[in-house]
Amino acid sequence: MRYDHHTLPNGLTIVGEYNESAQSVAVGFFTRTGARDETPEISGVSHFLEHMMFKGGERYSAEEVDRVFAGMGANYNAFTSNETTVYYGAVLPEFQERLIELLADMLRPSLRQSDFDTEKKVILEEIAMYKDRPSYAVYDLARMTYHHGHPLGNSVLGSTESISALERDRMLEYFERRYAPNNMVVALTGKYDWQAAIAQIEQVCGTWQPMDTPRALTPPQPIPQERMQPEPQRDRVYLAAVAPAPAAQDDSRYAADVLAWIIGGGRGSRLYWALVYPGIAQSADISYYEQDGAGAFYIFASCAPERTTEVIDLVRSTLQTVQAEGITEEELTRARRKIASGLVLNSETPMGRLTSVGYDWLYRQEIEPLSDTVDRFLALTAADVDAVLQQRPFDTLTLVGIGPLAEAS
């Protein structure tokens, strides 16, 4: 592997992980903006703007964007999170230039009023659709309740009210401020031509103007609380809980990931044996979310209404037990191996490595080779995980639930 890095005069950073044996090249434009960077009045604008990028820019129309991607045989998409918006594609190496050209053109969209009006209807339909998805609804409720006013609790989709009231000029102002080159990273992975990429990106992106793009990194101040929201139309009760965890810049993030796997990383985890295996809950898991300045553990479970109290008690007792007693060496060994093998298997293509490379630079201004990441996980000790537990994250637990709660015991 070879690692490359270059910054244009306007602040746009370009990074790469070159793999001579790869048969493809992946390119991603990582923008450090998402729901946490929005005010309530424009809630959902980052995700809405992601949709607008596919409506065409100076050179390509919406139809031509799709046609050019298809003509390259590209694997492409985009996504918006609470912290980032990412546009990416993977192609055969001979299409590197065309892919960069297309992505760069998309990122300077026309933002036509007619497209804005049409896409607004699509976004409103998407909001309505996700409200009917209980797993999303309970996640949204948990995130907002836990953060209680902190920007990390903002909704990615926004609300029906905020999107309905959003005007094109407000979107344009947000775009010009947040999509500045000094707030973006272009990542390349696979068998790319580095010098050609630098020259081309400087040509097509070099005139983009830098802006002041601050982000408030004040950590959230969660308080232990429980909130149950009756929704009798659901077929079961859906539960979610949130607890504080290490930030994306904290070295203890590796131990937090292992801890999450031990507690609820699927078959063989503590939540699996306590809840799923005996049939008390249909599902139960926990994930570690690394975030800029403040991470979080997210726990999810679903169950029949009459099992609600039992499931909540078992989730709480499982978390408190591991916090009080720690983990076993056997659990640690299984978790390290499972995470390490998953990392390797998911990174066998340039596309599989792209998000890791892009986020490494966004969060930590470095690229950690896959082999180093694997070694970090395999070298973790029980003491490393205990150090996370010593912060007593599960004392500050926000727990929410939705469903036919009138039927719950």
Protein backbone atom coordinates (compact mmCIF):
# COMPACT_ATOMS: atom_id res chain seq x y z
CA MET A 1 0.00 0.00 0.00
CA ARG A 2 0.99 3.62 -0.59
CA TYR A 3 -0.56 6.60 1.15
CA ASP A 4 -0.93 9.97 -0.56
CA HIS A 5 -1.92 13.42 0.65
CA HIS A 6 -2.21 16.83 -0.99
CA THR A 7 -3.99 20.08 -0.09
CA LEU A 8 -4.99 22.64 -2.69
CA PRO A 9 -4.47 26.38 -2.02
CA ASN A 10 -8.21 26.73 -1.36
CA GLY A 11 -8.06 24.15 1.45
CA LEU A 12 -9.50 21.14 -0.38
CA THR A 13 -7.71 18.06 0.95
CA ILE A 14 -7.08 15.03 -1.27
CA VAL A 15 -5.99 11.73 0.28
CA GLY A 16 -5.42 8.27 -1.13
CA GLU A 17 -4.69 4.66 -0.31
CA TYR A 18 -3.09 3.13 -3.39
CA ASN A 19 -3.32 -0.61 -3.98
CA GLU A 20 -1.36 -1.88 -6.97
CA SER A 21 -3.20 -5.22 -6.98
CA ALA A 22 -6.68 -3.65 -7.05
CA GLN A 23 -8.81 -3.91 -10.17
CA SER A 24 -10.87 -0.76 -9.58
CA VAL A 25 -10.71 2.77 -8.20
CA ALA A 26 -13.13 4.40 -5.77
CA VAL A 27 -13.53 8.15 -5.29
CA GLY A 28 -15.52 9.94 -2.61
CA PHE A 29 -16.20 13.58 -1.82
CA PHE A 30 -16.62 13.76 1.98
CA THR A 31 -18.29 16.95 3.19
CA ARG A 32 -18.09 17.80 6.88
CA THR A 33 -21.69 18.83 7.18
CA GLY A 34 -24.85 17.14 8.33
CA ALA A 35 -27.87 17.46 10.58
CA ARG A 36 -25.81 18.69 13.55
CA ASP A 37 -24.79 21.75 11.52
CA GLU A 38 -28.38 22.86 10.90
CA THR A 39 -30.60 25.26 12.82
CA PRO A 40 -34.19 24.22 13.61
CA GLU A 41 -35.51 26.48 10.85
CA ILE A 42 -33.63 24.56 8.16
CA SER A 43 -33.76 21.10 9.73
CA GLY A 44 -33.29 18.48 7.02
CA VAL A 45 -31.55 20.78 4.53
CA SER A 46 -28.37 18.64 4.37
CA HIS A 47 -30.30 15.56 3.26
CA PHE A 48 -32.49 17.61 0.92
CA LEU A 49 -29.36 19.10 -0.61
CA GLU A 50 -27.92 15.64 -1.17
CA HIS A 51 -30.95 14.88 -3.36
CA MET A 52 -30.47 18.13 -5.28
CA MET A 53 -26.89 17.23 -6.20
CA PHE A 54 -28.25 14.55 -8.54
CA LYS A 55 -30.36 17.11 -10.40
CA GLY A 56 -27.40 18.34 -12.42
CA GLY A 57 -24.79 21.07 -12.40
CA GLU A 58 -23.07 23.30 -14.91
CA ARG A 59 -22.15 20.53 -17.35
CA TYR A 60 -24.58 17.64 -16.79
CA SER A 61 -28.37 17.50 -16.49
CA ALA A 62 -30.10 15.07 -14.12
CA GLU A 63 -30.64 12.62 -16.97
CA GLU A 64 -27.02 12.91 -18.07
CA VAL A 65 -25.78 12.26 -14.52
CA ASP A 66 -27.56 8.90 -14.49
CA ARG A 67 -26.49 8.14 -18.08
CA VAL A 68 -22.80 8.88 -17.45
CA PHE A 69 -22.73 6.79 -14.28
CA ALA A 70 -24.40 3.94 -16.15
CA GLY A 71 -22.03 4.31 -19.09
CA MET A 72 -19.04 3.81 -16.81
CA GLY A 73 -20.64 0.80 -15.16
CA ALA A 74 -20.18 2.67 -11.89
CA ASN A 75 -21.25 1.59 -8.44
CA TYR A 76 -22.31 4.95 -6.98
CA ASN A 77 -24.48 6.59 -4.37
CA ALA A 78 -24.58 9.25 -1.64
CA PHE A 79 -25.65 9.46 1.98
CA THR A 80 -26.26 12.04 4.68
CA SER A 81 -25.66 11.52 8.39
CA ASN A 82 -25.70 13.73 11.46
CA GLU A 83 -22.15 14.83 10.67
CA THR A 84 -21.30 14.24 7.03
CA THR A 85 -22.62 14.09 3.50
CA VAL A 86 -20.73 11.77 1.16
CA TYR A 87 -20.87 11.31 -2.62
CA TYR A 88 -18.97 8.38 -4.06
CA GLY A 89 -18.46 5.99 -6.91
CA ALA A 90 -16.30 3.03 -7.93
CA VAL A 91 -15.23 2.30 -11.51
CA LEU A 92 -12.60 0.54 -13.56
CA PRO A 93 -9.33 2.51 -13.48
CA GLU A 94 -9.74 3.78 -17.05
CA PHE A 95 -12.82 5.75 -15.94
CA GLN A 96 -11.10 7.60 -13.08
CA GLU A 97 -11.03 10.93 -14.91
CA ARG A 98 -14.69 10.71 -15.94
CA LEU A 99 -15.78 9.81 -12.42
CA ILE A 100 -13.95 12.73 -10.81
CA GLU A 101 -15.32 15.09 -13.45
CA LEU A 102 -18.89 13.95 -12.83
CA LEU A 103 -18.72 14.05 -9.03
CA ALA A 104 -17.11 17.51 -9.07
CA ASP A 105 -19.81 18.81 -11.42
CA MET A 106 -22.55 17.38 -9.18
CA LEU A 107 -21.07 19.19 -6.19
CA ARG A 108 -21.69 22.55 -7.85
CA PRO A 109 -25.40 22.03 -8.56
CA SER A 110 -27.71 24.36 -10.45
CA LEU A 111 -30.34 24.28 -7.66
CA ARG A 112 -33.14 25.17 -10.06
CA GLN A 113 -36.41 26.25 -8.43
CA SER A 114 -38.38 23.70 -10.46
CA ASP A 115 -36.13 20.87 -9.25
CA PHE A 116 -36.35 22.20 -5.70
CA ASP A 117 -40.16 22.17 -5.77
CA THR A 118 -40.29 18.67 -7.25
CA GLU A 119 -37.76 17.20 -4.83
CA LYS A 120 -39.45 18.79 -1.83
CA LYS A 121 -42.45 16.53 -2.50
CA VAL A 122 -40.14 13.52 -2.65
CA ILE A 123 -38.56 14.45 0.71
CA LEU A 124 -41.98 14.92 2.35
CA GLU A 125 -43.01 11.48 1.11
CA GLU A 126 -39.76 10.04 2.49
CA ILE A 127 -40.44 11.59 5.91
CA ALA A 128 -43.93 10.07 5.94
CA MET A 129 -42.53 6.70 4.88
CA TYR A 130 -39.90 6.64 7.64
CA LYS A 131 -42.49 7.55 10.27
CA ASP A 132 -44.12 4.23 9.43
CA ARG A 133 -40.84 2.37 10.03
CA PRO A 134 -40.69 1.66 13.77
CA SER A 135 -36.95 1.00 13.87
CA TYR A 136 -36.28 4.46 12.43
CA ALA A 137 -38.94 6.15 14.54
CA VAL A 138 -37.60 4.77 17.82
CA TYR A 139 -34.01 5.64 16.83
CA ASP A 140 -35.04 9.21 16.07
CA LEU A 141 -36.90 9.49 19.36
CA ALA A 142 -33.97 8.04 21.32
CA ARG A 143 -31.41 10.33 19.70
CA MET A 144 -33.49 13.48 20.24
CA THR A 145 -34.40 12.56 23.84
CA TYR A 146 -30.83 11.70 24.82
CA HIS A 147 -29.35 14.89 23.40
CA HIS A 148 -32.29 17.10 24.51
CA GLY A 149 -31.47 20.15 22.41
CA HIS A 150 -27.85 19.38 21.49
CA PRO A 151 -27.20 19.51 17.70
CA LEU A 152 -26.31 15.80 17.63
CA GLY A 153 -29.98 15.15 18.35
CA ASN A 154 -31.13 16.84 15.13
CA SER A 155 -33.11 14.76 12.66
CA VAL A 156 -31.35 13.95 9.39
CA LEU A 157 -34.63 14.05 7.44
CA GLY A 158 -36.02 17.09 9.21
CA SER A 159 -39.73 17.43 9.91
CA THR A 160 -42.75 17.90 7.69
CA GLU A 161 -42.94 21.46 9.01
CA SER A 162 -39.28 22.39 8.44
CA ILE A 163 -39.11 20.93 4.93
CA SER A 164 -42.46 22.46 3.92
CA ALA A 165 -41.24 25.89 5.04
CA LEU A 166 -37.74 25.59 3.53
CA GLU A 167 -37.01 27.96 0.64
CA ARG A 168 -34.48 27.56 -2.13
CA ASP A 169 -32.56 30.69 -1.05
CA ARG A 170 -32.02 29.26 2.44
CA MET A 171 -30.69 26.05 0.88
CA LEU A 172 -28.37 28.05 -1.38
CA GLU A 173 -27.00 30.00 1.58
CA TYR A 174 -26.37 26.76 3.49
CA PHE A 175 -24.70 25.18 0.46
CA GLU A 176 -22.36 28.11 -0.14
CA ARG A 177 -21.33 28.15 3.52
CA ARG A 178 -20.94 24.42 4.22
CA TYR A 179 -19.76 23.04 0.85
CA ALA A 180 -16.59 25.10 0.96
CA PRO A 181 -13.41 23.30 -0.20
CA ASN A 182 -11.75 23.69 3.20
CA ASN A 183 -14.69 21.74 4.67
CA MET A 184 -14.27 18.78 2.31
CA VAL A 185 -12.00 15.81 1.72
CA VAL A 186 -11.62 13.92 -1.56
CA ALA A 187 -10.58 10.31 -0.92
CA LEU A 188 -9.29 7.82 -3.49
CA THR A 189 -8.70 4.12 -2.96
CA GLY A 190 -7.57 1.31 -5.24
CA LYS A 191 -5.51 1.48 -8.40
CA TYR A 192 -5.68 5.22 -9.11
CA ASP A 193 -3.39 7.60 -10.98
CA TRP A 194 -2.38 10.04 -8.23
CA GLN A 195 -0.71 12.72 -10.32
CA ALA A 196 -3.55 12.74 -12.82
CA ALA A 197 -6.06 13.00 -9.98
CA ILE A 198 -4.26 15.94 -8.37
CA ALA A 199 -4.02 17.82 -11.66
CA GLN A 200 -7.65 17.21 -12.54
CA ILE A 201 -9.06 18.06 -9.11
CA GLU A 202 -7.02 21.26 -9.03
CA GLN A 203 -8.43 22.16 -12.44
CA VAL A 204 -12.11 21.44 -11.67
CA CYS A 205 -12.20 22.35 -7.96
CA GLY A 206 -9.38 24.87 -7.61
CA THR A 207 -11.66 27.89 -8.08
CA TRP A 208 -14.04 26.86 -5.28
CA GLN A 209 -13.92 29.55 -2.63
CA PRO A 210 -13.02 28.72 1.01
CA MET A 211 -15.34 29.82 3.80
CA ASP A 212 -15.40 29.95 7.56
CA THR A 213 -17.12 26.66 8.48
CA PRO A 214 -17.14 26.30 12.26
CA ARG A 215 -18.80 23.40 14.07
CA ALA A 216 -19.89 23.55 17.69
CA LEU A 217 -18.15 20.68 19.52
CA THR A 218 -19.55 21.26 22.99
CA PRO A 219 -20.30 17.75 24.29
CA PRO A 220 -23.92 16.84 25.09
CA GLN A 221 -25.03 16.75 28.72
CA PRO A 222 -27.32 13.72 28.90
CA ILE A 223 -29.36 12.85 31.97
CA PRO A 224 -30.83 9.43 32.86
CA GLN A 225 -34.44 9.33 31.71
CA GLU A 226 -37.16 7.09 30.32
CA ARG A 227 -39.81 8.06 27.77
CA MET A 228 -42.57 5.81 26.47
CA GLN A 229 -44.66 6.91 23.49
CA PRO A 230 -47.88 4.94 22.90
CA GLU A 231 -48.40 4.00 19.24
CA PRO A 232 -51.15 1.35 19.23
CA GLN A 233 -50.89 0.78 15.47
CA ARG A 234 -47.52 -1.00 15.89
CA ASP A 235 -47.37 -4.80 15.95
CA ARG A 236 -44.92 -4.90 18.86
CA VAL A 237 -42.98 -2.65 21.23
CA TYR A 238 -39.73 -1.15 19.98
CA LEU A 239 -37.17 0.01 22.53
CA ALA A 240 -34.00 2.06 22.18
CA ALA A 241 -31.48 3.25 24.73
CA VAL A 242 -28.50 5.61 24.44
CA ALA A 243 -25.44 6.02 26.66
CA PRO A 244 -22.27 8.14 26.35
CA ALA A 245 -19.19 6.64 24.66
CA PRO A 246 -15.73 7.76 23.48
CA ALA A 247 -15.48 10.34 20.71
CA ALA A 248 -14.13 9.57 17.24
CA GLN A 249 -10.81 11.16 18.22
CA ASP A 250 -10.40 9.06 21.39
CA ASP A 251 -8.04 6.05 21.29
CA SER A 252 -10.47 4.16 23.53
CA ARG A 253 -12.89 3.93 20.58
CA TYR A 254 -11.42 0.50 19.78
CA ALA A 255 -12.25 -0.78 23.26
CA ALA A 256 -15.73 0.74 23.03
CA ASP A 257 -16.35 -1.17 19.80
CA VAL A 258 -15.25 -4.44 21.42
CA LEU A 259 -17.42 -3.75 24.47
CA ALA A 260 -20.47 -3.18 22.27
CA TRP A 261 -19.87 -6.45 20.45
CA ILE A 262 -19.58 -8.38 23.73
CA ILE A 263 -22.81 -6.91 25.09
CA GLY A 264 -24.93 -7.10 21.96
CA GLY A 265 -23.03 -7.89 18.78
CA GLY A 266 -25.27 -10.70 17.57
CA ARG A 267 -25.29 -14.42 18.30
CA GLY A 268 -23.20 -15.25 21.33
CA SER A 269 -23.46 -11.80 22.92
CA ARG A 270 -24.87 -11.17 26.38
CA LEU A 271 -28.09 -9.59 25.13
CA TYR A 272 -28.57 -12.49 22.73
CA TRP A 273 -28.38 -15.08 25.52
CA ALA A 274 -30.45 -12.99 27.93
CA LEU A 275 -33.23 -11.94 25.56
CA VAL A 276 -33.23 -13.44 22.08
CA TYR A 277 -32.23 -17.06 22.68
CA PRO A 278 -34.91 -17.68 25.33
CA GLY A 279 -37.55 -15.97 23.17
CA ILE A 280 -38.15 -13.02 25.51
CA ALA A 281 -37.39 -10.49 22.74
CA GLN A 282 -37.44 -10.74 18.95
CA SER A 283 -34.21 -8.73 18.71
CA ALA A 284 -31.65 -7.07 20.97
CA ASP A 285 -28.34 -5.47 20.02
CA ILE A 286 -25.99 -2.61 20.77
CA SER A 287 -23.66 -0.57 18.55
CA TYR A 288 -20.94 1.96 19.19
CA TYR A 289 -21.29 5.17 17.14
CA GLU A 290 -18.13 7.24 16.84
CA GLN A 291 -18.90 10.93 16.43
CA ASP A 292 -17.03 14.21 16.26
CA GLY A 293 -16.29 15.19 19.85
CA ALA A 294 -18.74 12.77 21.53
CA GLY A 295 -19.60 9.14 20.80
CA ALA A 296 -22.58 7.07 21.93
CA PHE A 297 -23.74 3.51 22.55
CA TYR A 298 -27.12 2.73 20.94
CA ILE A 299 -29.12 -0.25 22.22
CA PHE A 300 -32.16 -1.59 20.35
CA ALA A 301 -34.72 -4.27 21.23
CA SER A 302 -38.18 -5.34 20.12
CA CYS A 303 -40.68 -7.55 21.90
CA ALA A 304 -44.31 -8.48 22.40
CA PRO A 305 -46.16 -5.83 24.44
CA GLU A 306 -46.63 -8.10 27.46
CA ARG A 307 -42.85 -8.61 27.65
CA THR A 308 -41.95 -4.91 27.74
CA THR A 309 -41.20 -4.56 31.45
CA GLU A 310 -39.25 -7.82 31.50
CA VAL A 311 -37.13 -6.78 28.51
CA ILE A 312 -36.39 -3.35 29.96
CA ASP A 313 -35.33 -4.90 33.27
CA LEU A 314 -33.09 -7.44 31.54
CA VAL A 315 -31.44 -4.79 29.34
CA ARG A 316 -30.72 -2.64 32.38
CA SER A 317 -29.42 -5.56 34.45
CA THR A 318 -27.19 -6.78 31.61
CA LEU A 319 -25.63 -3.34 31.25
CA GLN A 320 -25.17 -2.90 34.98
CA THR A 321 -23.64 -6.37 35.38
CA VAL A 322 -20.98 -5.82 32.74
CA GLN A 323 -20.30 -2.37 34.16
CA ALA A 324 -19.82 -3.80 37.67
CA GLU A 325 -18.04 -7.06 36.86
CA GLY A 326 -16.26 -6.39 33.56
CA ILE A 327 -15.77 -8.88 30.72
CA THR A 328 -14.19 -12.32 30.48
CA GLU A 329 -11.08 -13.25 28.51
CA GLU A 330 -13.16 -15.63 26.42
CA GLU A 331 -15.55 -12.84 25.44
CA LEU A 332 -12.65 -10.56 24.63
CA THR A 333 -10.98 -13.14 22.39
CA ARG A 334 -14.20 -13.82 20.45
CA ALA A 335 -14.95 -10.13 20.01
CA ARG A 336 -11.45 -9.23 18.83
CA ARG A 337 -11.46 -12.01 16.24
CA LYS A 338 -14.97 -11.24 15.03
CA ILE A 339 -14.26 -7.53 14.56
CA ALA A 340 -10.86 -8.17 12.93
CA SER A 341 -12.27 -10.66 10.43
CA GLY A 342 -15.18 -8.37 9.63
CA LEU A 343 -12.81 -5.49 8.94
CA VAL A 344 -10.71 -7.58 6.58
CA LEU A 345 -13.66 -9.12 4.72
CA ASN A 346 -15.36 -5.75 4.28
CA SER A 347 -12.18 -4.11 3.00
CA GLU A 348 -11.30 -6.46 0.14
CA THR A 349 -12.29 -3.90 -2.52
CA PRO A 350 -11.39 -0.22 -2.92
CA MET A 351 -15.04 0.65 -2.29
CA GLY A 352 -14.85 -1.25 0.97
CA ARG A 353 -11.92 0.90 2.12
CA LEU A 354 -13.22 4.26 0.89
CA THR A 355 -15.34 5.28 3.88
CA SER A 356 -12.60 4.27 6.34
CA VAL A 357 -10.03 6.38 4.51
CA GLY A 358 -12.36 9.36 4.18
CA TYR A 359 -13.53 9.29 7.79
CA ASP A 360 -10.00 8.74 9.10
CA TRP A 361 -9.03 12.05 7.59
CA LEU A 362 -12.22 13.93 8.48
CA TYR A 363 -12.04 12.90 12.13
CA ARG A 364 -8.33 12.46 12.79
CA GLN A 365 -6.36 13.95 9.86
CA GLU A 366 -4.55 10.65 9.26
CA ILE A 367 -5.08 7.39 7.41
CA GLU A 368 -4.74 4.27 9.49
CA PRO A 369 -3.76 1.25 7.35
CA LEU A 370 -6.13 -1.70 7.62
CA SER A 371 -3.34 -3.86 9.06
CA ASP A 372 -2.76 -1.32 11.84
CA THR A 373 -6.48 -1.19 12.67
CA VAL A 374 -6.63 -4.98 12.86
CA ASP A 375 -3.53 -5.04 15.08
CA ARG A 376 -5.08 -2.42 17.38
CA PHE A 377 -8.15 -4.60 17.91
CA LEU A 378 -6.19 -7.83 18.36
CA ALA A 379 -3.92 -6.19 20.94
CA LEU A 380 -6.77 -4.94 23.14
CA THR A 381 -6.77 -6.21 26.72
CA ALA A 382 -9.51 -6.59 29.30
CA ALA A 383 -7.95 -3.61 31.07
CA ASP A 384 -8.57 -1.46 27.96
CA VAL A 385 -12.26 -2.38 28.01
CA ASP A 386 -12.43 -1.89 31.78
CA ALA A 387 -11.13 1.64 31.29
CA VAL A 388 -14.24 2.40 29.22
CA LEU A 389 -16.49 0.75 31.83
CA GLN A 390 -14.84 2.76 34.60
CA GLN A 391 -16.45 5.84 33.08
CA ARG A 392 -19.78 4.18 34.06
CA PRO A 393 -21.52 5.03 30.76
CA PHE A 394 -24.64 3.01 31.54
CA ASP A 395 -25.45 5.09 34.61
CA THR A 396 -26.47 7.80 32.16
CA LEU A 397 -28.98 5.80 30.16
CA THR A 398 -31.78 7.31 28.13
CA LEU A 399 -34.42 4.69 27.33
CA VAL A 400 -37.40 5.21 25.01
CA GLY A 401 -40.10 2.99 23.61
CA ILE A 402 -42.90 3.08 21.05
CA GLY A 403 -45.71 0.64 20.35
CA PRO A 404 -48.92 -0.69 21.89
CA LEU A 405 -47.82 0.22 25.40
CA ALA A 406 -51.34 -0.05 26.86
CA GLU A 407 -50.92 -3.80 26.44
CA ALA A 408 -47.54 -3.83 28.16
CA SER A 409 -47.23 -5.32 31.62
